[in-house]
Amino acid sequence: MTVTVEHETPVKLWANSADSHFIEPADLWRTRLPKRLAELVPG
């Protein structure tokens, strides 16, 4: 099946890589986890 679409104005496309990476702060789990869960944080 072939679909042809014509636009009179340019179409803006937005793309996001699904393999993007996020670097979290080094102290994320030590400083932001509730104290009641502190024993679960890896050393």
PDB file of N, CA and C in Angstrom:
ATOM      1  N   MET A   1       0.849  -1.174   0.000  1.00  0.00           N
ATOM      2  CA  MET A   1       0.000   0.000   0.000  1.00  0.00           C
ATOM      3  C   MET A   1       0.890   1.231   0.000  1.00  0.00           C
ATOM      4  N   THR A   2       0.604   2.180  -0.830  1.00  0.00           N
ATOM      5  CA  THR A   2       1.359   3.423  -0.911  1.00  0.00           C
ATOM      6  C   THR A   2       0.441   4.580  -0.565  1.00  0.00           C
ATOM      7  N   VAL A   3       0.930   5.454   0.301  1.00  0.00           N
ATOM      8  CA  VAL A   3       0.149   6.624   0.692  1.00  0.00           C
ATOM      9  C   VAL A   3       0.930   7.857   0.276  1.00  0.00           C
ATOM     10  N   THR A   4       0.296   8.757  -0.419  1.00  0.00           N
ATOM     11  CA  THR A   4       0.927  10.004  -0.834  1.00  0.00           C
ATOM     12  C   THR A   4       0.200  11.146  -0.147  1.00  0.00           C
ATOM     13  N   VAL A   5       0.982  12.026   0.485  1.00  0.00           N
ATOM     14  CA  VAL A   5       0.399  13.160   1.192  1.00  0.00           C
ATOM     15  C   VAL A   5       1.076  14.419   0.686  1.00  0.00           C
ATOM     16  N   GLU A   6       0.293  15.403   0.335  1.00  0.00           N
ATOM     17  CA  GLU A   6       0.839  16.682  -0.096  1.00  0.00           C
ATOM     18  C   GLU A   6       0.447  17.738   0.922  1.00  0.00           C
ATOM     19  N   HIS A   7       1.423  18.586   1.282  1.00  0.00           N
ATOM     20  CA  HIS A   7       1.184  19.659   2.244  1.00  0.00           C
ATOM     21  C   HIS A   7       1.515  20.990   1.586  1.00  0.00           C
ATOM     22  N   GLU A   8       0.692  21.983   1.812  1.00  0.00           N
ATOM     23  CA  GLU A   8       0.980  23.313   1.290  1.00  0.00           C
ATOM     24  C   GLU A   8       1.982  24.029   2.182  1.00  0.00           C
ATOM     25  N   THR A   9       2.024  23.667   3.455  1.00  0.00           N
ATOM     26  CA  THR A   9       2.985  24.272   4.376  1.00  0.00           C
ATOM     27  C   THR A   9       3.924  23.182   4.871  1.00  0.00           C
ATOM     28  N   PRO A  10       5.154  23.578   5.220  1.00  0.00           N
ATOM     29  CA  PRO A  10       6.097  22.571   5.724  1.00  0.00           C
ATOM     30  C   PRO A  10       5.561  21.895   6.987  1.00  0.00           C
ATOM     31  N   VAL A  11       5.869  20.650   7.131  1.00  0.00           N
ATOM     32  CA  VAL A  11       5.447  19.882   8.300  1.00  0.00           C
ATOM     33  C   VAL A  11       6.640  19.747   9.230  1.00  0.00           C
ATOM     34  N   LYS A  12       6.453  20.100  10.489  1.00  0.00           N
ATOM     35  CA  LYS A  12       7.519  19.940  11.474  1.00  0.00           C
ATOM     36  C   LYS A  12       7.424  18.544  12.070  1.00  0.00           C
ATOM     37  N   LEU A  13       8.503  17.825  12.010  1.00  0.00           N
ATOM     38  CA  LEU A  13       8.540  16.489  12.586  1.00  0.00           C
ATOM     39  C   LEU A  13       9.356  16.518  13.866  1.00  0.00           C
ATOM     40  N   TRP A  14       8.911  15.786  14.855  1.00  0.00           N
ATOM     41  CA  TRP A  14       9.633  15.667  16.111  1.00  0.00           C
ATOM     42  C   TRP A  14       9.994  14.209  16.291  1.00  0.00           C
ATOM     43  N   ALA A  15      11.259  13.966  16.581  1.00  0.00           N
ATOM     44  CA  ALA A  15      11.697  12.588  16.788  1.00  0.00           C
ATOM     45  C   ALA A  15      12.489  12.496  18.082  1.00  0.00           C
ATOM     46  N   ASN A  16      12.339  11.387  18.761  1.00  0.00           N
ATOM     47  CA  ASN A  16      13.073  11.153  19.997  1.00  0.00           C
ATOM     48  C   ASN A  16      13.716   9.783  19.912  1.00  0.00           C
ATOM     49  N   SER A  17      15.000   9.733  20.183  1.00  0.00           N
ATOM     50  CA  SER A  17      15.700   8.455  20.160  1.00  0.00           C
ATOM     51  C   SER A  17      15.282   7.638  21.377  1.00  0.00           C
ATOM     52  N   ALA A  18      14.852   6.429  21.161  1.00  0.00           N
ATOM     53  CA  ALA A  18      14.446   5.568  22.269  1.00  0.00           C
ATOM     54  C   ALA A  18      15.647   5.039  23.043  1.00  0.00           C
ATOM     55  N   ASP A  19      16.834   5.285  22.524  1.00  0.00           N
ATOM     56  CA  ASP A  19      18.052   4.828  23.181  1.00  0.00           C
ATOM     57  C   ASP A  19      18.765   5.991  23.879  1.00  0.00           C
ATOM     58  N   SER A  20      18.018   7.035  24.211  1.00  0.00           N
ATOM     59  CA  SER A  20      18.616   8.183  24.893  1.00  0.00           C
ATOM     60  C   SER A  20      19.091   7.762  26.274  1.00  0.00           C
ATOM     61  N   HIS A  21      20.070   8.456  26.769  1.00  0.00           N
ATOM     62  CA  HIS A  21      20.623   8.132  28.077  1.00  0.00           C
ATOM     63  C   HIS A  21      20.425   9.303  29.026  1.00  0.00           C
ATOM     64  N   PHE A  22      20.217   8.996  30.278  1.00  0.00           N
ATOM     65  CA  PHE A  22      20.039   9.997  31.319  1.00  0.00           C
ATOM     66  C   PHE A  22      21.073   9.716  32.388  1.00  0.00           C
ATOM     67  N   ILE A  23      21.830  10.722  32.748  1.00  0.00           N
ATOM     68  CA  ILE A  23      22.846  10.561  33.790  1.00  0.00           C
ATOM     69  C   ILE A  23      22.286  11.164  35.075  1.00  0.00           C
ATOM     70  N   GLU A  24      22.023  10.317  36.033  1.00  0.00           N
ATOM     71  CA  GLU A  24      21.470  10.785  37.297  1.00  0.00           C
ATOM     72  C   GLU A  24      22.604  11.261  38.215  1.00  0.00           C
ATOM     73  N   PRO A  25      22.277  12.146  39.178  1.00  0.00           N
ATOM     74  CA  PRO A  25      23.288  12.607  40.132  1.00  0.00           C
ATOM     75  C   PRO A  25      23.852  11.428  40.925  1.00  0.00           C
ATOM     76  N   ALA A  26      25.128  11.494  41.258  1.00  0.00           N
ATOM     77  CA  ALA A  26      25.792  10.396  41.974  1.00  0.00           C
ATOM     78  C   ALA A  26      25.138  10.103  43.327  1.00  0.00           C
ATOM     79  N   ASP A  27      24.590  11.125  43.969  1.00  0.00           N
ATOM     80  CA  ASP A  27      23.999  10.944  45.302  1.00  0.00           C
ATOM     81  C   ASP A  27      22.479  10.736  45.253  1.00  0.00           C
ATOM     82  N   LEU A  28      21.954  10.430  44.102  1.00  0.00           N
ATOM     83  CA  LEU A  28      20.503  10.331  43.919  1.00  0.00           C
ATOM     84  C   LEU A  28      19.823   9.475  44.982  1.00  0.00           C
ATOM     85  N   TRP A  29      20.299   8.256  45.182  1.00  0.00           N
ATOM     86  CA  TRP A  29      19.612   7.341  46.097  1.00  0.00           C
ATOM     87  C   TRP A  29      19.949   7.602  47.555  1.00  0.00           C
ATOM     88  N   ARG A  30      21.072   8.201  47.845  1.00  0.00           N
ATOM     89  CA  ARG A  30      21.416   8.487  49.242  1.00  0.00           C
ATOM     90  C   ARG A  30      20.704   9.726  49.766  1.00  0.00           C
ATOM     91  N   THR A  31      20.475  10.718  48.911  1.00  0.00           N
ATOM     92  CA  THR A  31      19.911  11.975  49.390  1.00  0.00           C
ATOM     93  C   THR A  31      18.423  12.148  49.126  1.00  0.00           C
ATOM     94  N   ARG A  32      17.857  11.375  48.219  1.00  0.00           N
ATOM     95  CA  ARG A  32      16.465  11.606  47.847  1.00  0.00           C
ATOM     96  C   ARG A  32      15.514  10.470  48.196  1.00  0.00           C
ATOM     97  N   LEU A  33      16.043   9.375  48.682  1.00  0.00           N
ATOM     98  CA  LEU A  33      15.207   8.247  49.072  1.00  0.00           C
ATOM     99  C   LEU A  33      14.720   8.466  50.505  1.00  0.00           C
ATOM    100  N   PRO A  34      13.475   8.146  50.816  1.00  0.00           N
ATOM    101  CA  PRO A  34      13.003   8.299  52.193  1.00  0.00           C
ATOM    102  C   PRO A  34      13.894   7.518  53.169  1.00  0.00           C
ATOM    103  N   LYS A  35      14.125   8.087  54.344  1.00  0.00           N
ATOM    104  CA  LYS A  35      15.015   7.467  55.337  1.00  0.00           C
ATOM    105  C   LYS A  35      14.591   6.044  55.695  1.00  0.00           C
ATOM    106  N   ARG A  36      13.306   5.769  55.663  1.00  0.00           N
ATOM    107  CA  ARG A  36      12.834   4.423  56.015  1.00  0.00           C
ATOM    108  C   ARG A  36      13.311   3.369  55.014  1.00  0.00           C
ATOM    109  N   LEU A  37      13.764   3.799  53.839  1.00  0.00           N
ATOM    110  CA  LEU A  37      14.251   2.873  52.822  1.00  0.00           C
ATOM    111  C   LEU A  37      15.777   2.892  52.691  1.00  0.00           C
ATOM    112  N   ALA A  38      16.455   3.636  53.549  1.00  0.00           N
ATOM    113  CA  ALA A  38      17.906   3.818  53.441  1.00  0.00           C
ATOM    114  C   ALA A  38      18.673   2.501  53.466  1.00  0.00           C
ATOM    115  N   GLU A  39      18.191   1.514  54.200  1.00  0.00           N
ATOM    116  CA  GLU A  39      18.910   0.235  54.286  1.00  0.00           C
ATOM    117  C   GLU A  39      18.918  -0.524  52.955  1.00  0.00           C
ATOM    118  N   LEU A  40      18.068  -0.136  52.023  1.00  0.00           N
ATOM    119  CA  LEU A  40      18.003  -0.801  50.725  1.00  0.00           C
ATOM    120  C   LEU A  40      18.992  -0.235  49.701  1.00  0.00           C
ATOM    121  N   VAL A  41      19.608   0.899  50.047  1.00  0.00           N
ATOM    122  CA  VAL A  41      20.546   1.549  49.126  1.00  0.00           C
ATOM    123  C   VAL A  41      21.853   0.776  49.095  1.00  0.00           C
ATOM    124  N   PRO A  42      22.320   0.401  47.887  1.00  0.00           N
ATOM    125  CA  PRO A  42      23.611  -0.288  47.816  1.00  0.00           C
ATOM    126  C   PRO A  42      24.732   0.625  48.304  1.00  0.00           C
ATOM    127  N   GLY A  43      25.734   0.013  48.923  1.00  0.00           N
ATOM    128  CA  GLY A  43      26.864   0.730  49.503  1.00  0.00           C
ATOM    129  C   GLY A  43      27.593   1.545  48.538  1.00  0.00           C
TER     130      GLY A  43
END
